[in-house]
Protein backbone atom coordinates (compact mmCIF):
# COMPACT_ATOMS: atom_id res chain seq x y z
CA ILE A 1 5.69 -71.84 -132.00
CA SER A 2 8.80 -70.91 -134.00
CA LEU A 3 7.59 -73.02 -136.93
CA GLY A 4 4.20 -71.33 -136.66
CA PHE A 5 5.84 -67.91 -137.12
CA TRP A 6 8.12 -69.31 -139.86
CA TYR A 7 5.19 -70.56 -141.95
CA LYS A 8 2.79 -67.72 -141.14
CA LYS A 9 3.44 -65.76 -144.34
CA ARG A 10 3.24 -68.83 -146.57
CA ALA A 11 0.09 -70.14 -144.86
CA SER A 12 -1.78 -66.83 -144.94
CA LYS A 13 -1.78 -66.45 -148.75
CA ASN A 14 -5.25 -67.99 -149.05
CA LEU A 15 -7.48 -70.68 -147.53
CA ASP A 16 -6.05 -73.39 -149.78
CA SER A 17 -2.57 -72.69 -148.40
CA TYR A 18 -3.82 -72.37 -144.82
CA PHE A 19 -5.89 -75.56 -144.67
CA LEU A 20 -4.32 -77.79 -147.39
CA GLY A 21 -0.74 -76.52 -147.69
CA GLY A 22 -1.39 -75.49 -151.29
CA ARG A 23 -1.75 -79.22 -152.16
CA ASN A 24 2.02 -79.31 -152.50
CA ILE A 25 3.14 -81.34 -149.46
CA HIS A 26 4.97 -84.64 -150.06
CA TRP A 27 2.82 -87.74 -149.50
CA LEU A 28 5.27 -89.18 -146.95
CA GLY A 29 4.99 -86.06 -144.78
CA LEU A 30 1.20 -86.21 -144.98
CA ALA A 31 1.22 -89.93 -144.08
CA MET A 32 3.49 -89.30 -141.08
CA SER A 33 1.32 -86.37 -140.04
CA GLY A 34 -1.90 -88.36 -140.30
CA SER A 35 -0.39 -91.33 -138.52
CA VAL A 36 1.07 -89.40 -135.59
CA SER A 37 -2.20 -87.48 -135.32
CA ASN A 38 -3.77 -90.83 -134.37
CA PHE A 39 -0.89 -91.53 -131.93
CA ASP A 40 -2.36 -89.26 -129.31
CA ILE A 41 -1.54 -89.24 -125.62
CA THR A 42 -5.15 -89.61 -124.49
CA GLY A 43 -5.81 -92.51 -126.84
CA THR A 44 -2.59 -94.20 -125.73
CA MET A 45 -3.63 -93.84 -122.07
CA TRP A 46 -7.01 -95.34 -122.97
CA ILE A 47 -5.41 -98.27 -124.85
CA VAL A 48 -3.12 -98.93 -121.86
CA SER A 49 -6.08 -98.82 -119.47
CA ILE A 50 -8.23 -101.35 -121.37
CA LEU A 51 -5.22 -103.64 -121.96
CA PHE A 52 -4.50 -103.42 -118.23
CA VAL A 53 -8.12 -104.39 -117.43
CA LEU A 54 -8.94 -106.90 -120.19
CA GLY A 55 -5.61 -108.27 -121.34
CA MET A 56 -5.13 -109.17 -125.00
CA LYS A 57 -8.92 -109.48 -125.41
CA SER A 58 -8.88 -105.68 -125.54
CA MET A 59 -7.54 -105.92 -129.09
CA TRP A 60 -11.11 -106.64 -130.21
CA HIS A 61 -12.00 -103.15 -129.00
CA HIS A 62 -9.85 -101.61 -131.73
CA TRP A 63 -12.17 -102.82 -134.46
CA MET A 64 -14.46 -100.01 -133.28
CA TRP A 65 -12.34 -97.22 -134.76
CA GLY A 66 -11.33 -98.96 -137.94
CA PHE A 67 -8.96 -101.90 -137.60
CA LEU A 68 -8.76 -102.28 -141.41
CA MET A 69 -8.43 -98.55 -142.11
CA GLY A 70 -5.13 -98.85 -144.03
CA ALA A 71 -6.52 -101.45 -146.44
CA PHE A 72 -9.57 -99.36 -147.34
CA PHE A 73 -7.58 -96.14 -147.71
CA MET A 74 -4.83 -97.74 -149.80
CA SER A 75 -7.03 -99.70 -152.19
CA TYR A 76 -9.63 -97.11 -153.13
CA MET A 77 -10.92 -94.66 -150.51
CA GLY A 78 -7.85 -92.36 -150.55
CA LYS A 79 -8.17 -91.97 -154.33
CA TRP A 80 -11.89 -91.29 -154.14
CA VAL A 81 -11.36 -88.48 -151.65
CA ARG A 82 -8.52 -86.84 -153.60
CA ARG A 83 -10.41 -86.97 -156.91
CA SER A 84 -13.16 -84.83 -155.41
CA ASN A 85 -10.68 -81.89 -155.40
CA VAL A 86 -12.38 -79.83 -152.66
CA MET A 87 -11.09 -78.18 -149.46
CA THR A 88 -13.19 -79.87 -146.77
CA ALA A 89 -15.25 -83.02 -146.36
CA ALA A 90 -18.38 -80.86 -146.05
CA GLU A 91 -17.62 -79.02 -149.30
CA TRP A 92 -17.44 -82.49 -150.88
CA MET A 93 -21.24 -82.55 -150.48
CA LYS A 94 -21.55 -80.07 -153.32
CA THR A 95 -19.84 -82.44 -155.76
CA ARG A 96 -22.14 -85.27 -154.66
CA PHE A 97 -25.50 -83.57 -154.03
CA GLY A 98 -25.22 -80.28 -155.94
CA ASP A 99 -25.58 -76.68 -154.81
CA ASP A 100 -29.36 -76.48 -154.47
CA ALA A 101 -31.23 -76.35 -151.14
CA ALA A 102 -30.76 -80.08 -150.52
CA GLY A 103 -27.03 -79.93 -151.25
CA LYS A 104 -26.54 -76.90 -149.02
CA LEU A 105 -28.45 -78.56 -146.17
CA ALA A 106 -26.34 -81.72 -146.52
CA ARG A 107 -23.16 -79.64 -146.45
CA THR A 108 -24.31 -77.72 -143.36
CA ALA A 109 -25.38 -80.93 -141.61
CA TYR A 110 -21.97 -82.48 -142.21
CA ALA A 111 -20.18 -79.35 -141.03
CA LEU A 112 -22.21 -79.25 -137.80
CA MET A 113 -21.51 -82.93 -137.23
CA ALA A 114 -17.80 -82.37 -137.89
CA VAL A 115 -17.55 -79.41 -135.51
CA LEU A 116 -19.37 -81.35 -132.76
CA THR A 117 -17.15 -84.40 -133.30
CA LEU A 118 -13.91 -82.44 -133.39
CA ALA A 119 -14.87 -80.37 -130.35
CA SER A 120 -15.54 -83.67 -128.56
CA PHE A 121 -12.07 -84.86 -129.59
CA ILE A 122 -10.60 -81.70 -128.06
CA GLY A 123 -12.53 -82.38 -124.84
CA TYR A 124 -11.26 -85.96 -124.90
CA ALA A 125 -7.69 -84.72 -125.38
CA TYR A 126 -8.17 -82.19 -122.58
CA GLN A 127 -9.11 -85.00 -120.18
CA GLY A 128 -6.02 -87.03 -121.08
CA ILE A 129 -3.36 -84.33 -121.06
CA GLY A 130 -4.54 -83.05 -117.67
CA LYS A 131 -4.29 -86.50 -116.07
CA PHE A 132 -0.91 -87.10 -117.70
CA ALA A 133 0.72 -83.78 -116.78
CA SER A 134 -0.56 -83.78 -113.20
CA VAL A 135 1.59 -86.83 -112.39
CA TYR A 136 4.82 -85.01 -113.27
CA ILE A 137 4.39 -81.30 -112.60
CA PRO A 138 4.17 -80.42 -108.87
CA LEU A 139 1.97 -77.39 -109.43
CA GLU A 140 0.59 -77.64 -105.90
CA SER A 141 4.02 -76.64 -104.50
CA LEU A 142 3.35 -73.10 -105.77
CA SER A 143 0.30 -72.77 -103.50
CA ARG A 144 2.48 -71.91 -100.49
CA TYR A 145 3.47 -68.63 -102.16
CA THR A 146 -0.09 -67.24 -102.09
CA ASP A 147 -2.84 -66.75 -99.53
CA ILE A 148 -5.62 -66.25 -102.09
CA PRO A 149 -8.06 -69.18 -101.72
CA PHE A 150 -9.12 -69.16 -105.40
CA ILE A 151 -5.53 -69.46 -106.67
CA GLN A 152 -4.71 -72.12 -104.05
CA SER A 153 -7.72 -74.11 -105.25
CA LEU A 154 -6.55 -73.85 -108.87
CA LEU A 155 -3.06 -75.09 -107.96
CA THR A 156 -4.24 -78.04 -105.88
CA VAL A 157 -7.83 -79.20 -106.46
CA HIS A 158 -7.92 -78.17 -110.15
CA LYS A 159 -4.27 -78.84 -110.98
CA ALA A 160 -5.03 -81.14 -113.94
CA GLU A 161 -7.39 -78.62 -115.56
CA VAL A 162 -4.86 -75.77 -115.22
CA LEU A 163 -2.03 -77.81 -116.76
CA ALA A 164 -4.26 -78.97 -119.62
CA GLY A 165 -5.22 -75.34 -120.32
CA ILE A 166 -1.57 -74.22 -120.45
CA ILE A 167 -0.46 -76.98 -122.85
CA ILE A 168 -3.51 -76.50 -125.09
CA SER A 169 -2.88 -72.74 -125.26
CA ILE A 170 0.71 -73.26 -126.47
CA THR A 171 -0.39 -75.72 -129.15
CA THR A 172 -3.25 -73.51 -130.31
CA LEU A 173 -0.83 -70.62 -130.88
CA TYR A 174 1.29 -72.35 -133.51
CA VAL A 175 -1.76 -73.89 -135.22
CA ILE A 176 -3.39 -70.46 -135.58
CA LEU A 177 -0.22 -68.98 -137.05
CA GLY A 178 1.05 -71.62 -139.45
CA GLY A 179 -2.00 -73.59 -140.64
CA LEU A 180 -1.41 -77.05 -142.14
CA PHE A 181 2.23 -76.25 -143.02
CA SER A 182 3.22 -75.96 -139.36
CA VAL A 183 1.00 -78.92 -138.42
CA VAL A 184 2.68 -81.30 -140.90
CA VAL A 185 6.27 -80.17 -140.24
CA THR A 186 5.89 -80.43 -136.47
CA ASP A 187 4.16 -83.80 -136.91
CA VAL A 188 7.17 -85.17 -138.83
CA ILE A 189 9.51 -84.09 -136.01
CA GLN A 190 7.12 -85.54 -133.42
CA THR A 191 6.97 -88.86 -135.30
CA ILE A 192 10.74 -89.24 -134.88
CA VAL A 193 10.61 -88.35 -131.16
CA LEU A 194 7.68 -90.70 -130.55
CA THR A 195 9.33 -93.60 -132.37
CA LEU A 196 12.49 -93.27 -130.24
CA SER A 197 10.39 -92.98 -127.08
CA SER A 198 8.38 -96.11 -127.90
CA LEU A 199 11.52 -98.13 -128.60
CA PHE A 200 13.03 -96.99 -125.27
CA ILE A 201 9.95 -98.20 -123.37
CA ALA A 202 9.92 -101.54 -125.20
CA PHE A 203 13.63 -102.06 -124.47
CA ILE A 204 13.23 -101.23 -120.76
CA ALA A 205 10.29 -103.63 -120.42
CA TRP A 206 12.23 -106.38 -122.22
CA SER A 207 15.31 -105.86 -120.03
CA LYS A 208 13.39 -105.79 -116.72
CA LEU A 209 11.03 -108.71 -117.29
CA SER A 210 11.88 -112.35 -116.63
CA PRO A 211 9.94 -115.62 -116.98
CA ASP A 212 9.23 -115.57 -113.24
CA LEU A 213 7.74 -112.06 -113.42
CA LEU A 214 5.70 -112.93 -116.51
CA ASN A 215 4.20 -115.86 -114.60
CA GLN A 216 2.59 -113.23 -112.34
CA LEU A 217 0.39 -111.99 -115.19
CA PRO A 218 -3.36 -112.44 -114.64
CA GLU A 219 -4.86 -115.71 -115.83
CA ARG A 220 -5.86 -115.64 -119.51
CA PHE A 221 -4.05 -112.31 -120.03
CA ILE A 222 -2.73 -113.44 -123.42
CA SER A 223 -5.99 -115.06 -124.58
CA LEU A 224 -7.85 -113.61 -127.57
CA ARG A 225 -10.87 -115.85 -126.97
CA ILE A 226 -14.18 -113.95 -126.88
CA PRO A 227 -16.25 -114.79 -123.80
CA TRP A 228 -19.91 -113.80 -124.04
CA ARG A 229 -19.84 -112.52 -120.47
CA ILE A 230 -17.04 -111.58 -118.03
CA GLN A 231 -18.84 -112.16 -114.75
CA GLU A 232 -16.11 -110.78 -112.48
CA LEU A 233 -16.51 -107.28 -113.98
CA SER A 234 -20.13 -107.02 -112.82
CA GLY A 235 -20.58 -104.18 -110.35
CA THR A 236 -17.03 -102.84 -110.81
CA ASP A 237 -15.77 -99.63 -112.42
CA ASN A 238 -15.35 -101.67 -115.64
CA ALA A 239 -18.87 -103.11 -115.69
CA GLN A 240 -19.37 -101.72 -119.22
CA PHE A 241 -17.27 -104.66 -120.49
CA GLU A 242 -19.31 -107.34 -118.71
CA PHE A 243 -21.23 -108.53 -121.80
CA PHE A 244 -18.07 -108.72 -123.87
CA GLY A 245 -19.40 -110.90 -126.71
CA ALA A 246 -22.24 -108.49 -127.52
CA LEU A 247 -19.77 -105.60 -127.51
CA VAL A 248 -17.41 -107.36 -129.95
CA ILE A 249 -20.27 -107.71 -132.46
CA ILE A 250 -20.95 -103.97 -132.18
CA TRP A 251 -17.25 -103.04 -132.43
CA VAL A 252 -16.59 -105.13 -135.56
CA LEU A 253 -19.75 -103.92 -137.32
CA LYS A 254 -19.00 -100.30 -136.40
CA GLY A 255 -15.41 -100.57 -137.68
CA LEU A 256 -16.35 -102.06 -141.05
CA LEU A 257 -19.04 -99.43 -141.65
CA LEU A 258 -16.65 -96.69 -140.54
CA ASN A 259 -14.02 -97.75 -143.07
CA ALA A 260 -16.57 -98.13 -145.86
CA GLY A 261 -17.81 -94.58 -145.21
CA GLY A 262 -14.42 -92.96 -145.79
CA PRO A 263 -12.07 -90.99 -143.52
CA ALA A 264 -14.06 -90.34 -140.39
CA GLN A 265 -12.03 -88.10 -138.11
CA MET A 266 -12.18 -85.12 -140.48
CA TYR A 267 -8.45 -84.39 -140.36
CA ASP A 268 -8.03 -87.79 -142.10
CA PHE A 269 -10.11 -86.44 -144.98
CA GLN A 270 -7.97 -83.30 -145.02
CA ARG A 271 -4.70 -85.24 -145.44
CA PHE A 272 -5.99 -87.01 -148.56
CA LEU A 273 -7.37 -83.79 -150.02
CA ALA A 274 -3.95 -82.16 -149.51
CA ALA A 275 -2.16 -84.86 -151.57
CA ARG A 276 -0.60 -83.83 -154.88
CA SER A 277 -2.49 -86.53 -156.84
CA ASP A 278 -4.83 -89.47 -156.33
CA ARG A 279 -1.84 -91.81 -156.67
CA ASP A 280 -0.14 -90.00 -153.78
CA ALA A 281 -3.39 -90.33 -151.82
CA ALA A 282 -3.19 -94.13 -152.21
CA LYS A 283 0.43 -94.02 -150.97
CA ILE A 284 -0.72 -92.07 -147.91
CA GLY A 285 -3.29 -94.78 -147.21
CA ALA A 286 -0.70 -97.54 -147.64
CA SER A 287 1.84 -96.02 -145.25
CA TRP A 288 -0.58 -94.44 -142.74
CA SER A 289 -0.55 -97.39 -140.33
CA LEU A 290 3.18 -98.11 -140.71
CA PHE A 291 4.28 -95.35 -138.36
CA LEU A 292 1.83 -96.57 -135.70
CA VAL A 293 3.49 -99.99 -135.31
CA VAL A 294 5.82 -98.80 -132.52
CA ARG A 295 2.80 -97.61 -130.52
CA TRP A 296 1.95 -101.21 -129.69
CA ALA A 297 5.46 -101.85 -128.39
CA LEU A 298 5.06 -98.79 -126.15
CA VAL A 299 1.63 -99.87 -124.89
CA MET A 300 2.56 -103.49 -124.17
CA GLY A 301 5.80 -102.47 -122.46
CA ILE A 302 3.91 -100.12 -120.11
CA VAL A 303 1.20 -102.69 -119.27
CA LEU A 304 3.68 -105.50 -118.58
CA LEU A 305 5.71 -103.24 -116.29
CA ALA A 306 2.52 -102.23 -114.47
CA LEU A 307 1.17 -105.77 -114.04
CA THR A 308 4.48 -107.24 -112.87
CA GLY A 309 5.66 -104.19 -110.89
CA THR A 310 4.66 -102.81 -107.55
CA ILE A 311 2.78 -99.61 -108.42
CA GLY A 312 -0.60 -99.10 -106.81
CA VAL A 313 -3.18 -97.96 -109.34
CA LYS A 314 -6.67 -96.75 -108.41
CA ASP A 315 -7.47 -95.16 -111.78
CA SER A 316 -6.54 -97.45 -114.69
CA GLU A 317 -6.33 -94.37 -116.93
CA GLN A 318 -3.26 -93.23 -114.94
CA VAL A 319 -1.31 -96.47 -115.40
CA MET A 320 0.79 -94.99 -118.19
CA PRO A 321 2.08 -91.80 -116.50
CA LEU A 322 2.73 -93.70 -113.22
CA VAL A 323 4.79 -96.41 -114.96
CA LEU A 324 6.81 -93.81 -116.87
CA ARG A 325 7.48 -91.92 -113.66
CA ASP A 326 8.50 -94.96 -111.60
CA PHE A 327 10.40 -97.12 -114.10
CA LEU A 328 12.25 -94.80 -116.46
CA PRO A 329 15.69 -93.38 -115.62
CA ILE A 330 16.21 -89.61 -115.62
CA GLY A 331 17.02 -88.36 -119.12
CA ILE A 332 15.17 -91.12 -120.94
CA ARG A 333 12.10 -90.21 -118.90
CA GLY A 334 12.40 -86.64 -120.17
CA LEU A 335 12.66 -87.78 -123.79
CA VAL A 336 9.64 -90.10 -123.44
CA ILE A 337 7.52 -87.40 -121.77
CA ALA A 338 8.52 -84.96 -124.51
CA GLY A 339 7.52 -87.58 -127.08
CA LEU A 340 4.12 -88.10 -125.50
CA LEU A 341 3.54 -84.37 -125.23
CA ALA A 342 4.41 -84.28 -128.93
CA ALA A 343 1.77 -86.95 -129.50
CA PHE A 344 -0.82 -84.82 -127.76
CA MET A 345 0.18 -81.69 -129.69
CA SER A 346 0.12 -83.42 -133.08
CA THR A 347 -3.37 -84.84 -132.57
CA PHE A 348 -4.67 -81.63 -131.08
CA SER A 349 -3.21 -79.45 -133.86
CA SER A 350 -4.70 -81.63 -136.61
CA THR A 351 -8.09 -81.63 -134.90
CA VAL A 352 -8.16 -77.86 -134.44
CA ASN A 353 -6.94 -77.03 -137.95
CA SER A 354 -9.52 -79.34 -139.50
CA GLY A 355 -12.36 -78.14 -137.26
CA ALA A 356 -11.65 -74.49 -138.06
CA SER A 357 -11.77 -75.29 -141.78
CA PHE A 358 -15.36 -76.54 -141.42
CA ILE A 359 -16.44 -73.46 -139.48
CA VAL A 360 -14.92 -71.06 -142.02
CA ARG A 361 -15.44 -72.85 -145.32
CA ASP A 362 -18.81 -74.50 -144.71
CA ILE A 363 -20.61 -72.29 -142.19
CA TRP A 364 -19.14 -68.76 -142.30
CA GLN A 365 -18.36 -68.38 -146.02
CA PRO A 366 -21.68 -69.67 -147.46
CA PHE A 367 -23.85 -67.68 -145.05
CA PHE A 368 -21.84 -64.65 -143.90
CA GLY A 369 -18.67 -64.23 -145.96
CA ARG A 370 -19.65 -64.44 -149.62
CA GLY A 371 -17.72 -61.32 -150.66
CA ALA A 372 -14.88 -61.64 -148.15
CA SER A 373 -11.24 -61.46 -149.27
CA ASP A 374 -8.70 -64.23 -148.61
CA ARG A 375 -7.12 -62.07 -145.90
CA GLN A 376 -10.45 -61.68 -144.11
CA ALA A 377 -11.13 -65.42 -144.40
CA VAL A 378 -7.78 -66.27 -142.81
CA GLN A 379 -8.47 -63.81 -139.99
CA VAL A 380 -11.83 -65.49 -139.37
CA SER A 381 -9.92 -68.79 -139.32
CA TYR A 382 -7.91 -67.52 -136.36
CA LEU A 383 -11.14 -66.71 -134.48
CA ALA A 384 -12.73 -70.05 -135.47
CA THR A 385 -9.72 -71.92 -134.11
CA ALA A 386 -9.94 -70.16 -130.75
CA LEU A 387 -13.71 -70.71 -130.47
CA LEU A 388 -13.40 -74.42 -131.31
CA VAL A 389 -10.75 -74.87 -128.62
CA LEU A 390 -12.95 -73.14 -126.02
CA LEU A 391 -15.90 -75.37 -126.97
CA GLY A 392 -13.72 -78.47 -126.66
CA ILE A 393 -12.41 -77.41 -123.25
CA GLY A 394 -16.02 -76.93 -122.11
CA ILE A 395 -16.85 -80.51 -123.17
CA GLY A 396 -13.72 -81.77 -121.39
CA LEU A 397 -14.68 -80.05 -118.16
CA LYS A 398 -18.08 -81.76 -118.22
CA SER A 399 -16.59 -85.27 -118.64
CA GLU A 400 -15.37 -87.39 -115.76
CA SER A 401 -13.11 -89.83 -117.62
CA ILE A 402 -11.44 -90.55 -120.96
CA ASP A 403 -13.53 -93.70 -121.43
CA GLU A 404 -16.81 -91.83 -120.92
CA ILE A 405 -16.26 -89.29 -123.68
CA TRP A 406 -14.52 -91.79 -126.02
CA ASN A 407 -17.40 -94.30 -125.89
CA TRP A 408 -19.99 -91.62 -126.52
CA MET A 409 -18.06 -90.27 -129.54
CA MET A 410 -17.46 -93.69 -131.07
CA ILE A 411 -20.71 -95.50 -130.33
CA ALA A 412 -23.47 -92.89 -130.00
CA LEU A 413 -22.30 -89.97 -132.16
CA GLY A 414 -20.36 -92.20 -134.57
CA GLY A 415 -23.29 -94.59 -134.92
CA GLY A 416 -25.67 -91.72 -135.56
CA VAL A 417 -23.84 -90.52 -138.69
CA ILE A 418 -22.17 -93.67 -140.01
CA ILE A 419 -24.97 -94.91 -142.31
CA PRO A 420 -25.41 -91.62 -144.25
CA ASN A 421 -21.63 -91.54 -144.72
CA VAL A 422 -21.67 -95.04 -146.22
CA LEU A 423 -24.71 -94.57 -148.46
CA ARG A 424 -23.38 -91.33 -150.00
CA TRP A 425 -20.53 -93.24 -151.72
CA TYR A 426 -22.26 -96.41 -152.89
CA TRP A 427 -25.95 -95.58 -153.59
CA TRP A 428 -26.79 -93.22 -156.41
CA ARG A 429 -30.33 -92.54 -155.12
CA MET A 430 -29.07 -90.98 -151.88
CA ASN A 431 -29.77 -87.23 -152.06
CA GLY A 432 -29.05 -84.17 -149.92
CA TRP A 433 -32.38 -84.37 -148.07
CA GLY A 434 -31.77 -87.99 -147.11
CA TYR A 435 -28.21 -87.31 -146.02
CA ALA A 436 -29.15 -84.27 -143.94
CA LEU A 437 -32.15 -86.00 -142.34
CA GLY A 438 -30.15 -89.11 -141.43
CA THR A 439 -27.21 -87.11 -140.09
CA ILE A 440 -29.17 -84.54 -138.07
CA GLY A 441 -31.53 -87.20 -136.71
CA GLY A 442 -28.60 -89.41 -135.71
CA MET A 443 -26.82 -86.49 -134.02
CA LEU A 444 -29.89 -85.47 -132.03
CA LEU A 445 -30.51 -89.04 -130.89
CA SER A 446 -26.85 -89.42 -129.87
CA LEU A 447 -27.14 -86.26 -127.78
CA LEU A 448 -30.27 -87.67 -126.11
CA THR A 449 -28.32 -90.74 -125.00
CA LEU A 450 -26.21 -88.46 -122.78
CA PHE A 451 -29.19 -88.37 -120.41
CA PHE A 452 -29.14 -92.18 -120.03
CA ASP A 453 -25.75 -92.91 -118.47
CA ASN A 454 -26.33 -96.61 -117.81
CA LEU A 455 -27.56 -97.58 -121.28
CA PRO A 456 -25.17 -100.29 -122.64
CA ASP A 457 -23.36 -99.72 -125.94
CA PHE A 458 -25.00 -102.79 -127.50
CA TYR A 459 -28.38 -101.05 -127.05
CA VAL A 460 -27.25 -97.55 -128.02
CA PHE A 461 -25.47 -98.42 -131.28
CA PRO A 462 -28.23 -100.51 -132.98
CA MET A 463 -30.83 -97.93 -131.93
CA VAL A 464 -29.09 -94.85 -133.37
CA VAL A 465 -27.93 -96.72 -136.49
CA THR A 466 -31.43 -97.99 -137.24
CA VAL A 467 -33.05 -94.58 -136.77
CA SER A 468 -30.40 -92.86 -138.91
CA PHE A 469 -30.74 -95.54 -141.63
CA LEU A 470 -34.54 -95.22 -141.81
CA LEU A 471 -34.39 -91.42 -141.90
CA SER A 472 -31.80 -91.52 -144.72
CA ILE A 473 -33.84 -93.94 -146.83
CA VAL A 474 -37.18 -92.21 -146.26
CA GLY A 475 -35.69 -88.76 -146.83
CA SER A 476 -34.12 -89.86 -150.13
CA LEU A 477 -37.02 -91.85 -151.58
CA THR A 478 -39.73 -89.29 -150.76
CA THR A 479 -37.87 -86.43 -152.45
CA SER A 480 -36.49 -85.86 -155.93
CA PRO A 481 -33.18 -87.50 -156.86
CA VAL A 482 -30.04 -85.47 -157.44
CA GLU A 483 -29.84 -83.91 -160.92
CA ARG A 484 -28.59 -86.41 -163.48
CA ASN A 485 -25.69 -84.23 -164.69
CA ILE A 486 -24.32 -83.92 -161.12
CA LEU A 487 -24.54 -87.70 -160.59
CA THR A 488 -22.90 -88.33 -163.96
CA SER A 489 -20.07 -85.89 -163.17
CA PHE A 490 -19.53 -87.51 -159.75
CA SER A 491 -19.56 -91.02 -161.20
CA CYS A 492 -17.11 -90.15 -163.98
CA THR A 493 -14.74 -88.16 -161.70
CA ILE A 494 -14.69 -90.32 -158.55
CA ARG A 495 -15.43 -93.65 -160.29
CA PRO A 496 -17.14 -95.28 -157.29
CA PHE A 497 -18.44 -98.86 -157.25
CA GLY A 498 -21.69 -100.03 -155.67
CA TRP A 499 -25.30 -99.28 -156.72
CA TRP A 500 -24.45 -96.85 -159.52
CA GLY A 501 -25.72 -98.94 -162.45
CA PRO A 502 -28.44 -96.54 -163.70
CA ILE A 503 -25.93 -93.68 -163.81
CA ARG A 504 -23.05 -95.63 -165.38
CA ASP A 505 -25.32 -97.16 -168.02
CA ASN A 506 -26.50 -93.74 -169.21
CA SER A 507 -23.21 -91.83 -169.02
């Protein structure tokens, strides 16, 4: 909060300062910020839970959100994004599709998709932080000081929701005040705290475990072999992993397409746009994954302690907070919990700052704020941030588990927009109509899947991808191509590879 007040004056100069730090932040700080934004508490709880259930086979699951992300970002995608020289990923549509009706529709479609995705991420974070904090904070002890039934219910039955709301409110305050400046600076501090916390956990697991205890691990825990079907999961709470081989095909395909389509989580795009140059953008891509290495030491340490210890776990998503509570000594436990709260805050702050930029830059300004001053735009940014957080909390309240909302975001919503995001970079004939049609159609179909809870991922993903692909192709080929001067400018500025021969040959 103090950093938010400290950077308030600097961040409020204009939208470029508020959302991109004036494009004057060192690449290492941006890389640490982007990396720790992916080191979120909810995601870490989810990784622990699937490692606890599946063993090392769960590593195949991580292809789904971009296992090779660093390689793509370092080699070319980071440079492509920075060369576009815009403020948001939706504004990028203007450089690719122009500013006519088709370009505006593509930009609006992307902004709507981004806001929906980022609000879902907030809901996902809300689920995780509530479950995490409820293990440590005895909020129910306050219920004896009141006789009001509603307040007693909040402190006992809805304890997780209340704690999540408090922590989110604190984080939202400094994001609103300081913009990207406060986000990046706090992320650098949180990276240091998280690294120390992860190393503590790894050391404690190493010091407590022995060969005899490790022999108690489930059979095939360390195996990476891909079984087509895991029969013992049928009819259990983890039945979604039963047809494991089919899921691996979907995860790998999804991950490769995701990387080829560019930064996908919106705040990723923002970090590359905020770089000082395209060379710095490549450095961000190269070092992005480096600061995440210690996360795997943290995760494996927690799972090994859980599997060889004596804790009773009914909800696999609470393995992490229970292990930290039962195995860590006082003092170190406080540092680790602070580190994980920092992980939550860094991810949440990046998500909110990025989501607000889409609302202001790509929805409010083009339609309602054409003549607005920079001061008015920043004030609207404050309101947009608050509204996005409220929308995300609403999504979180409707979800029953971390896994439920995560799978929908990655497989259904992600699959619905992944093909238009790939085609826009590599195929010159893709136009704004095709992009908008593919994106909006994919989003609507992904929302429809919410009414079919038991539909397996290996049915959902091919269905939404195919529909989105066909809509993108039909929408592009049945309408006029983008103006030649816009395509030539994009090709010369971004220098993409792929099916750009007709444009390169004539430029």
